[in-house]
Amino acid sequence: MSQTSRPKRHPDAVYKLVDGEALIVVPGSEAQHLVLNKVGARAWELLDGDHDVESICEQLTIEFDVELAEAGRDLSELLADLREHGALDSATN
C-alpha cells in the first residue's frame, strides 16, 4: 500500500475500545475477532478513508514514542493483517 493510499475500516466491522485496546469483529470473517494494542487501536481509529498512510504514521509518532520508520513498518504489517482478515474496505485496499 502506498504512502498516499487512504485505507478505510470495513463498513461492517464492529469495534469496541477497552482500556485503550481495540476488539474488532468482522461479520462473515474467518477470524472470530481481532485484538489490537493501544498503538494498533489508534491506527484503527485513523483508518477512516480521510487519512493517508503517511499521515497515520506521522500521527502515531506524535502520540507514541516511536520513530517514523518503525511506525511505517508496523502500520504496514497491521494493514496486511487487517486486509487478510477482511477488516479493511476492499475499495480502499
PDB file of N, CA and C in Angstrom:
ATOM      1  N   MET A   1       0.857  -1.170   0.000  1.00  0.00           N
ATOM      2  CA  MET A   1       0.000   0.000   0.000  1.00  0.00           C
ATOM      3  C   MET A   1       0.902   1.231   0.000  1.00  0.00           C
ATOM      4  N   SER A   2       0.595   2.177  -0.852  1.00  0.00           N
ATOM      5  CA  SER A   2       1.444   3.365  -0.971  1.00  0.00           C
ATOM      6  C   SER A   2       1.187   4.349   0.172  1.00  0.00           C
ATOM      7  N   GLN A   3       2.128   5.269   0.333  1.00  0.00           N
ATOM      8  CA  GLN A   3       2.026   6.275   1.392  1.00  0.00           C
ATOM      9  C   GLN A   3       0.826   7.203   1.198  1.00  0.00           C
ATOM     10  N   THR A   4       0.327   7.298  -0.040  1.00  0.00           N
ATOM     11  CA  THR A   4      -0.804   8.179  -0.307  1.00  0.00           C
ATOM     12  C   THR A   4      -2.141   7.441  -0.301  1.00  0.00           C
ATOM     13  N   SER A   5      -2.100   6.118  -0.103  1.00  0.00           N
ATOM     14  CA  SER A   5      -3.346   5.350  -0.001  1.00  0.00           C
ATOM     15  C   SER A   5      -4.111   5.800   1.229  1.00  0.00           C
ATOM     16  N   ARG A   6      -5.415   5.742   1.137  1.00  0.00           N
ATOM     17  CA  ARG A   6      -6.282   6.144   2.250  1.00  0.00           C
ATOM     18  C   ARG A   6      -7.114   4.941   2.695  1.00  0.00           C
ATOM     19  N   PRO A   7      -6.482   4.047   3.480  1.00  0.00           N
ATOM     20  CA  PRO A   7      -7.202   2.843   3.912  1.00  0.00           C
ATOM     21  C   PRO A   7      -8.388   3.177   4.804  1.00  0.00           C
ATOM     22  N   LYS A   8      -9.399   2.304   4.738  1.00  0.00           N
ATOM     23  CA  LYS A   8     -10.627   2.546   5.484  1.00  0.00           C
ATOM     24  C   LYS A   8     -11.104   1.245   6.127  1.00  0.00           C
ATOM     25  N   ARG A   9     -11.599   1.364   7.341  1.00  0.00           N
ATOM     26  CA  ARG A   9     -12.173   0.210   8.021  1.00  0.00           C
ATOM     27  C   ARG A   9     -13.322  -0.366   7.193  1.00  0.00           C
ATOM     28  N   HIS A  10     -13.509  -1.676   7.260  1.00  0.00           N
ATOM     29  CA  HIS A  10     -14.643  -2.308   6.587  1.00  0.00           C
ATOM     30  C   HIS A  10     -15.926  -1.747   7.197  1.00  0.00           C
ATOM     31  N   PRO A  11     -16.910  -1.389   6.365  1.00  0.00           N
ATOM     32  CA  PRO A  11     -18.122  -0.772   6.905  1.00  0.00           C
ATOM     33  C   PRO A  11     -18.917  -1.680   7.849  1.00  0.00           C
ATOM     34  N   ASP A  12     -18.742  -3.000   7.733  1.00  0.00           N
ATOM     35  CA  ASP A  12     -19.468  -3.924   8.602  1.00  0.00           C
ATOM     36  C   ASP A  12     -18.680  -4.302   9.858  1.00  0.00           C
ATOM     37  N   ALA A  13     -17.438  -3.839   9.947  1.00  0.00           N
ATOM     38  CA  ALA A  13     -16.616  -4.162  11.122  1.00  0.00           C
ATOM     39  C   ALA A  13     -17.167  -3.428  12.347  1.00  0.00           C
ATOM     40  N   VAL A  14     -17.225  -4.149  13.435  1.00  0.00           N
ATOM     41  CA  VAL A  14     -17.689  -3.590  14.697  1.00  0.00           C
ATOM     42  C   VAL A  14     -16.497  -3.603  15.640  1.00  0.00           C
ATOM     43  N   TYR A  15     -16.296  -2.505  16.359  1.00  0.00           N
ATOM     44  CA  TYR A  15     -15.172  -2.493  17.293  1.00  0.00           C
ATOM     45  C   TYR A  15     -15.545  -1.782  18.579  1.00  0.00           C
ATOM     46  N   LYS A  16     -14.827  -2.151  19.603  1.00  0.00           N
ATOM     47  CA  LYS A  16     -15.012  -1.536  20.915  1.00  0.00           C
ATOM     48  C   LYS A  16     -13.634  -1.300  21.508  1.00  0.00           C
ATOM     49  N   LEU A  17     -13.433  -0.130  22.054  1.00  0.00           N
ATOM     50  CA  LEU A  17     -12.193   0.176  22.752  1.00  0.00           C
ATOM     51  C   LEU A  17     -12.344  -0.191  24.222  1.00  0.00           C
ATOM     52  N   VAL A  18     -11.382  -0.966  24.716  1.00  0.00           N
ATOM     53  CA  VAL A  18     -11.379  -1.387  26.112  1.00  0.00           C
ATOM     54  C   VAL A  18      -9.984  -1.133  26.664  1.00  0.00           C
ATOM     55  N   ASP A  19      -9.865  -0.231  27.601  1.00  0.00           N
ATOM     56  CA  ASP A  19      -8.572   0.127  28.184  1.00  0.00           C
ATOM     57  C   ASP A  19      -7.536   0.467  27.114  1.00  0.00           C
ATOM     58  N   GLY A  20      -7.975   1.166  26.072  1.00  0.00           N
ATOM     59  CA  GLY A  20      -7.072   1.601  25.015  1.00  0.00           C
ATOM     60  C   GLY A  20      -6.832   0.577  23.924  1.00  0.00           C
ATOM     61  N   GLU A  21      -7.236  -0.676  24.152  1.00  0.00           N
ATOM     62  CA  GLU A  21      -7.081  -1.704  23.129  1.00  0.00           C
ATOM     63  C   GLU A  21      -8.380  -1.828  22.347  1.00  0.00           C
ATOM     64  N   ALA A  22      -8.276  -2.325  21.110  1.00  0.00           N
ATOM     65  CA  ALA A  22      -9.461  -2.464  20.273  1.00  0.00           C
ATOM     66  C   ALA A  22      -9.800  -3.934  20.085  1.00  0.00           C
ATOM     67  N   LEU A  23     -11.065  -4.254  20.257  1.00  0.00           N
ATOM     68  CA  LEU A  23     -11.595  -5.571  19.944  1.00  0.00           C
ATOM     69  C   LEU A  23     -12.436  -5.388  18.688  1.00  0.00           C
ATOM     70  N   ILE A  24     -12.064  -6.092  17.621  1.00  0.00           N
ATOM     71  CA  ILE A  24     -12.702  -5.903  16.314  1.00  0.00           C
ATOM     72  C   ILE A  24     -13.352  -7.212  15.884  1.00  0.00           C
ATOM     73  N   VAL A  25     -14.586  -7.121  15.415  1.00  0.00           N
ATOM     74  CA  VAL A  25     -15.291  -8.270  14.858  1.00  0.00           C
ATOM     75  C   VAL A  25     -15.735  -7.881  13.449  1.00  0.00           C
ATOM     76  N   VAL A  26     -15.402  -8.749  12.493  1.00  0.00           N
ATOM     77  CA  VAL A  26     -15.818  -8.525  11.115  1.00  0.00           C
ATOM     78  C   VAL A  26     -16.804  -9.632  10.752  1.00  0.00           C
ATOM     79  N   PRO A  27     -18.096  -9.304  10.593  1.00  0.00           N
ATOM     80  CA  PRO A  27     -19.079 -10.332  10.255  1.00  0.00           C
ATOM     81  C   PRO A  27     -18.688 -11.072   8.976  1.00  0.00           C
ATOM     82  N   GLY A  28     -18.831 -12.377   9.006  1.00  0.00           N
ATOM     83  CA  GLY A  28     -18.511 -13.189   7.840  1.00  0.00           C
ATOM     84  C   GLY A  28     -17.042 -13.517   7.700  1.00  0.00           C
ATOM     85  N   SER A  29     -16.215 -12.980   8.579  1.00  0.00           N
ATOM     86  CA  SER A  29     -14.778 -13.222   8.533  1.00  0.00           C
ATOM     87  C   SER A  29     -14.464 -14.570   9.166  1.00  0.00           C
ATOM     88  N   GLU A  30     -13.398 -15.213   8.701  1.00  0.00           N
ATOM     89  CA  GLU A  30     -12.974 -16.481   9.289  1.00  0.00           C
ATOM     90  C   GLU A  30     -12.461 -16.270  10.714  1.00  0.00           C
ATOM     91  N   ALA A  31     -11.898 -15.120  10.978  1.00  0.00           N
ATOM     92  CA  ALA A  31     -11.403 -14.818  12.329  1.00  0.00           C
ATOM     93  C   ALA A  31     -12.603 -14.499  13.212  1.00  0.00           C
ATOM     94  N   GLN A  32     -12.617 -15.030  14.404  1.00  0.00           N
ATOM     95  CA  GLN A  32     -13.686 -14.712  15.352  1.00  0.00           C
ATOM     96  C   GLN A  32     -13.622 -13.243  15.741  1.00  0.00           C
ATOM     97  N   HIS A  33     -12.408 -12.797  16.045  1.00  0.00           N
ATOM     98  CA  HIS A  33     -12.199 -11.401  16.414  1.00  0.00           C
ATOM     99  C   HIS A  33     -10.704 -11.086  16.342  1.00  0.00           C
ATOM    100  N   LEU A  34     -10.408  -9.817  16.313  1.00  0.00           N
ATOM    101  CA  LEU A  34      -9.032  -9.335  16.334  1.00  0.00           C
ATOM    102  C   LEU A  34      -8.877  -8.430  17.550  1.00  0.00           C
ATOM    103  N   VAL A  35      -7.706  -8.479  18.161  1.00  0.00           N
ATOM    104  CA  VAL A  35      -7.417  -7.599  19.292  1.00  0.00           C
ATOM    105  C   VAL A  35      -6.171  -6.792  18.947  1.00  0.00           C
ATOM    106  N   LEU A  36      -6.268  -5.480  19.071  1.00  0.00           N
ATOM    107  CA  LEU A  36      -5.154  -4.592  18.765  1.00  0.00           C
ATOM    108  C   LEU A  36      -4.682  -3.889  20.035  1.00  0.00           C
ATOM    109  N   ASN A  37      -3.369  -3.726  20.159  1.00  0.00           N
ATOM    110  CA  ASN A  37      -2.821  -2.983  21.294  1.00  0.00           C
ATOM    111  C   ASN A  37      -3.154  -1.498  21.137  1.00  0.00           C
ATOM    112  N   LYS A  38      -2.677  -0.670  22.055  1.00  0.00           N
ATOM    113  CA  LYS A  38      -3.026   0.758  22.046  1.00  0.00           C
ATOM    114  C   LYS A  38      -2.613   1.458  20.758  1.00  0.00           C
ATOM    115  N   VAL A  39      -1.427   1.148  20.252  1.00  0.00           N
ATOM    116  CA  VAL A  39      -0.966   1.786  19.011  1.00  0.00           C
ATOM    117  C   VAL A  39      -1.817   1.309  17.842  1.00  0.00           C
ATOM    118  N   GLY A  40      -2.065   0.000  17.787  1.00  0.00           N
ATOM    119  CA  GLY A  40      -2.912  -0.549  16.730  1.00  0.00           C
ATOM    120  C   GLY A  40      -4.326  -0.005  16.794  1.00  0.00           C
ATOM    121  N   ALA A  41      -4.837   0.152  18.015  1.00  0.00           N
ATOM    122  CA  ALA A  41      -6.186   0.696  18.191  1.00  0.00           C
ATOM    123  C   ALA A  41      -6.263   2.130  17.673  1.00  0.00           C
ATOM    124  N   ARG A  42      -5.221   2.916  17.953  1.00  0.00           N
ATOM    125  CA  ARG A  42      -5.215   4.301  17.457  1.00  0.00           C
ATOM    126  C   ARG A  42      -5.135   4.324  15.936  1.00  0.00           C
ATOM    127  N   ALA A  43      -4.304   3.450  15.376  1.00  0.00           N
ATOM    128  CA  ALA A  43      -4.223   3.361  13.916  1.00  0.00           C
ATOM    129  C   ALA A  43      -5.596   2.984  13.355  1.00  0.00           C
ATOM    130  N   TRP A  44      -6.261   2.026  13.979  1.00  0.00           N
ATOM    131  CA  TRP A  44      -7.595   1.599  13.543  1.00  0.00           C
ATOM    132  C   TRP A  44      -8.559   2.786  13.510  1.00  0.00           C
ATOM    133  N   GLU A  45      -8.509   3.617  14.537  1.00  0.00           N
ATOM    134  CA  GLU A  45      -9.388   4.793  14.573  1.00  0.00           C
ATOM    135  C   GLU A  45      -9.107   5.733  13.399  1.00  0.00           C
ATOM    136  N   LEU A  46      -7.854   5.787  12.967  1.00  0.00           N
ATOM    137  CA  LEU A  46      -7.476   6.692  11.877  1.00  0.00           C
ATOM    138  C   LEU A  46      -7.748   6.098  10.490  1.00  0.00           C
ATOM    139  N   LEU A  47      -8.154   4.841  10.434  1.00  0.00           N
ATOM    140  CA  LEU A  47      -8.464   4.202   9.151  1.00  0.00           C
ATOM    141  C   LEU A  47      -9.885   4.565   8.735  1.00  0.00           C
ATOM    142  N   ASP A  48     -10.064   5.844   8.438  1.00  0.00           N
ATOM    143  CA  ASP A  48     -11.391   6.380   8.134  1.00  0.00           C
ATOM    144  C   ASP A  48     -11.562   6.767   6.672  1.00  0.00           C
ATOM    145  N   GLY A  49     -10.540   6.519   5.867  1.00  0.00           N
ATOM    146  CA  GLY A  49     -10.602   6.886   4.458  1.00  0.00           C
ATOM    147  C   GLY A  49     -10.216   8.332   4.205  1.00  0.00           C
ATOM    148  N   ASP A  50     -10.081   9.120   5.261  1.00  0.00           N
ATOM    149  CA  ASP A  50      -9.676  10.518   5.133  1.00  0.00           C
ATOM    150  C   ASP A  50      -8.169  10.683   5.316  1.00  0.00           C
ATOM    151  N   HIS A  51      -7.566   9.824   6.151  1.00  0.00           N
ATOM    152  CA  HIS A  51      -6.128   9.895   6.433  1.00  0.00           C
ATOM    153  C   HIS A  51      -5.362   8.963   5.502  1.00  0.00           C
ATOM    154  N   ASP A  52      -4.272   9.471   4.941  1.00  0.00           N
ATOM    155  CA  ASP A  52      -3.434   8.581   4.137  1.00  0.00           C
ATOM    156  C   ASP A  52      -2.427   7.883   5.049  1.00  0.00           C
ATOM    157  N   VAL A  53      -1.756   6.865   4.501  1.00  0.00           N
ATOM    158  CA  VAL A  53      -0.816   6.066   5.278  1.00  0.00           C
ATOM    159  C   VAL A  53       0.258   6.945   5.905  1.00  0.00           C
ATOM    160  N   GLU A  54       0.771   7.880   5.140  1.00  0.00           N
ATOM    161  CA  GLU A  54       1.831   8.757   5.651  1.00  0.00           C
ATOM    162  C   GLU A  54       1.353   9.572   6.855  1.00  0.00           C
ATOM    163  N   SER A  55       0.166  10.141   6.764  1.00  0.00           N
ATOM    164  CA  SER A  55      -0.323  10.966   7.878  1.00  0.00           C
ATOM    165  C   SER A  55      -0.643  10.119   9.106  1.00  0.00           C
ATOM    166  N   ILE A  56      -1.078   8.871   8.899  1.00  0.00           N
ATOM    167  CA  ILE A  56      -1.315   7.980  10.033  1.00  0.00           C
ATOM    168  C   ILE A  56       0.004   7.697  10.742  1.00  0.00           C
ATOM    169  N   CYS A  57       1.045   7.385   9.972  1.00  0.00           N
ATOM    170  CA  CYS A  57       2.375   7.146  10.563  1.00  0.00           C
ATOM    171  C   CYS A  57       2.853   8.363  11.337  1.00  0.00           C
ATOM    172  N   GLU A  58       2.702   9.537  10.755  1.00  0.00           N
ATOM    173  CA  GLU A  58       3.126  10.762  11.427  1.00  0.00           C
ATOM    174  C   GLU A  58       2.363  10.970  12.733  1.00  0.00           C
ATOM    175  N   GLN A  59       1.059  10.708  12.712  1.00  0.00           N
ATOM    176  CA  GLN A  59       0.248  10.872  13.919  1.00  0.00           C
ATOM    177  C   GLN A  59       0.690   9.896  15.004  1.00  0.00           C
ATOM    178  N   LEU A  60       1.016   8.664  14.614  1.00  0.00           N
ATOM    179  CA  LEU A  60       1.466   7.675  15.591  1.00  0.00           C
ATOM    180  C   LEU A  60       2.786   8.091  16.235  1.00  0.00           C
ATOM    181  N   THR A  61       3.681   8.725  15.460  1.00  0.00           N
ATOM    182  CA  THR A  61       4.954   9.175  16.039  1.00  0.00           C
ATOM    183  C   THR A  61       4.729  10.320  17.024  1.00  0.00           C
ATOM    184  N   ILE A  62       3.709  11.120  16.795  1.00  0.00           N
ATOM    185  CA  ILE A  62       3.387  12.223  17.704  1.00  0.00           C
ATOM    186  C   ILE A  62       2.806  11.693  19.016  1.00  0.00           C
ATOM    187  N   GLU A  63       1.915  10.721  18.907  1.00  0.00           N
ATOM    188  CA  GLU A  63       1.189  10.238  20.081  1.00  0.00           C
ATOM    189  C   GLU A  63       1.928   9.161  20.876  1.00  0.00           C
ATOM    190  N   PHE A  64       2.854   8.457  20.221  1.00  0.00           N
ATOM    191  CA  PHE A  64       3.561   7.355  20.877  1.00  0.00           C
ATOM    192  C   PHE A  64       5.059   7.539  20.673  1.00  0.00           C
ATOM    193  N   ASP A  65       5.835   6.923  21.502  1.00  0.00           N
ATOM    194  CA  ASP A  65       7.292   7.029  21.436  1.00  0.00           C
ATOM    195  C   ASP A  65       7.813   6.049  20.390  1.00  0.00           C
ATOM    196  N   VAL A  66       7.693   6.438  19.116  1.00  0.00           N
ATOM    197  CA  VAL A  66       8.093   5.561  18.020  1.00  0.00           C
ATOM    198  C   VAL A  66       8.671   6.403  16.883  1.00  0.00           C
ATOM    199  N   GLU A  67       9.695   5.885  16.245  1.00  0.00           N
ATOM    200  CA  GLU A  67      10.305   6.563  15.092  1.00  0.00           C
ATOM    201  C   GLU A  67       9.426   6.351  13.858  1.00  0.00           C
ATOM    202  N   LEU A  68       9.518   7.258  12.911  1.00  0.00           N
ATOM    203  CA  LEU A  68       8.698   7.204  11.700  1.00  0.00           C
ATOM    204  C   LEU A  68       8.903   5.900  10.928  1.00  0.00           C
ATOM    205  N   ALA A  69      10.138   5.453  10.784  1.00  0.00           N
ATOM    206  CA  ALA A  69      10.407   4.217  10.043  1.00  0.00           C
ATOM    207  C   ALA A  69       9.748   3.015  10.720  1.00  0.00           C
ATOM    208  N   GLU A  70       9.834   2.967  12.043  1.00  0.00           N
ATOM    209  CA  GLU A  70       9.224   1.865  12.789  1.00  0.00           C
ATOM    210  C   GLU A  70       7.700   1.919  12.680  1.00  0.00           C
ATOM    211  N   ALA A  71       7.144   3.124  12.777  1.00  0.00           N
ATOM    212  CA  ALA A  71       5.701   3.288  12.640  1.00  0.00           C
ATOM    213  C   ALA A  71       5.240   2.817  11.262  1.00  0.00           C
ATOM    214  N   GLY A  72       6.028   3.133  10.238  1.00  0.00           N
ATOM    215  CA  GLY A  72       5.692   2.708   8.880  1.00  0.00           C
ATOM    216  C   GLY A  72       5.693   1.197   8.731  1.00  0.00           C
ATOM    217  N   ARG A  73       6.723   0.550   9.289  1.00  0.00           N
ATOM    218  CA  ARG A  73       6.789  -0.919   9.224  1.00  0.00           C
ATOM    219  C   ARG A  73       5.620  -1.549   9.977  1.00  0.00           C
ATOM    220  N   ASP A  74       5.381  -1.052  11.179  1.00  0.00           N
ATOM    221  CA  ASP A  74       4.304  -1.613  11.993  1.00  0.00           C
ATOM    222  C   ASP A  74       2.936  -1.399  11.352  1.00  0.00           C
ATOM    223  N   LEU A  75       2.709  -0.226  10.785  1.00  0.00           N
ATOM    224  CA  LEU A  75       1.440   0.048  10.131  1.00  0.00           C
ATOM    225  C   LEU A  75       1.276  -0.836   8.906  1.00  0.00           C
ATOM    226  N   SER A  76       2.336  -1.046   8.171  1.00  0.00           N
ATOM    227  CA  SER A  76       2.295  -1.927   7.004  1.00  0.00           C
ATOM    228  C   SER A  76       1.876  -3.339   7.404  1.00  0.00           C
ATOM    229  N   GLU A  77       2.471  -3.837   8.482  1.00  0.00           N
ATOM    230  CA  GLU A  77       2.121  -5.174   8.988  1.00  0.00           C
ATOM    231  C   GLU A  77       0.674  -5.216   9.462  1.00  0.00           C
ATOM    232  N   LEU A  78       0.249  -4.172  10.160  1.00  0.00           N
ATOM    233  CA  LEU A  78      -1.131  -4.113  10.637  1.00  0.00           C
ATOM    234  C   LEU A  78      -2.108  -4.112   9.471  1.00  0.00           C
ATOM    235  N   LEU A  79      -1.848  -3.291   8.466  1.00  0.00           N
ATOM    236  CA  LEU A  79      -2.737  -3.223   7.309  1.00  0.00           C
ATOM    237  C   LEU A  79      -2.813  -4.566   6.594  1.00  0.00           C
ATOM    238  N   ALA A  80      -1.683  -5.259   6.468  1.00  0.00           N
ATOM    239  CA  ALA A  80      -1.674  -6.574   5.823  1.00  0.00           C
ATOM    240  C   ALA A  80      -2.520  -7.561   6.627  1.00  0.00           C
ATOM    241  N   ASP A  81      -2.394  -7.516   7.948  1.00  0.00           N
ATOM    242  CA  ASP A  81      -3.163  -8.409   8.811  1.00  0.00           C
ATOM    243  C   ASP A  81      -4.656  -8.087   8.730  1.00  0.00           C
ATOM    244  N   LEU A  82      -4.991  -6.808   8.783  1.00  0.00           N
ATOM    245  CA  LEU A  82      -6.392  -6.402   8.682  1.00  0.00           C
ATOM    246  C   LEU A  82      -6.975  -6.795   7.330  1.00  0.00           C
ATOM    247  N   ARG A  83      -6.205  -6.620   6.270  1.00  0.00           N
ATOM    248  CA  ARG A  83      -6.646  -6.999   4.929  1.00  0.00           C
ATOM    249  C   ARG A  83      -6.905  -8.505   4.863  1.00  0.00           C
ATOM    250  N   GLU A  84      -5.977  -9.270   5.430  1.00  0.00           N
ATOM    251  CA  GLU A  84      -6.085 -10.729   5.424  1.00  0.00           C
ATOM    252  C   GLU A  84      -7.351 -11.212   6.137  1.00  0.00           C
ATOM    253  N   HIS A  85      -7.744 -10.495   7.183  1.00  0.00           N
ATOM    254  CA  HIS A  85      -8.929 -10.870   7.963  1.00  0.00           C
ATOM    255  C   HIS A  85     -10.204 -10.167   7.500  1.00  0.00           C
ATOM    256  N   GLY A  86     -10.127  -9.440   6.387  1.00  0.00           N
ATOM    257  CA  GLY A  86     -11.315  -8.799   5.833  1.00  0.00           C
ATOM    258  C   GLY A  86     -11.785  -7.582   6.594  1.00  0.00           C
ATOM    259  N   ALA A  87     -10.896  -6.974   7.382  1.00  0.00           N
ATOM    260  CA  ALA A  87     -11.280  -5.838   8.218  1.00  0.00           C
ATOM    261  C   ALA A  87     -11.123  -4.480   7.523  1.00  0.00           C
ATOM    262  N   LEU A  88     -10.590  -4.490   6.296  1.00  0.00           N
ATOM    263  CA  LEU A  88     -10.471  -3.235   5.537  1.00  0.00           C
ATOM    264  C   LEU A  88     -11.496  -3.221   4.414  1.00  0.00           C
ATOM    265  N   ASP A  89     -11.963  -2.042   4.086  1.00  0.00           N
ATOM    266  CA  ASP A  89     -12.884  -1.865   2.975  1.00  0.00           C
ATOM    267  C   ASP A  89     -12.152  -2.237   1.692  1.00  0.00           C
ATOM    268  N   SER A  90     -12.675  -3.163   0.941  1.00  0.00           N
ATOM    269  CA  SER A  90     -11.987  -3.657  -0.262  1.00  0.00           C
ATOM    270  C   SER A  90     -11.813  -2.576  -1.325  1.00  0.00           C
ATOM    271  N   ALA A  91     -12.611  -1.538  -1.265  1.00  0.00           N
ATOM    272  CA  ALA A  91     -12.491  -0.450  -2.243  1.00  0.00           C
ATOM    273  C   ALA A  91     -11.245   0.391  -1.996  1.00  0.00           C
ATOM    274  N   THR A  92     -10.656   0.278  -0.798  1.00  0.00           N
ATOM    275  CA  THR A  92      -9.501   1.123  -0.468  1.00  0.00           C
ATOM    276  C   THR A  92      -8.230   0.345  -0.278  1.00  0.00           C
ATOM    277  N   ASN A  93      -8.234  -0.959  -0.421  1.00  0.00           N
ATOM    278  CA  ASN A  93      -7.007  -1.697  -0.200  1.00  0.00           C
ATOM    279  C   ASN A  93      -6.663  -2.496  -1.424  1.00  0.00           C
TER     280      ASN A  93
END
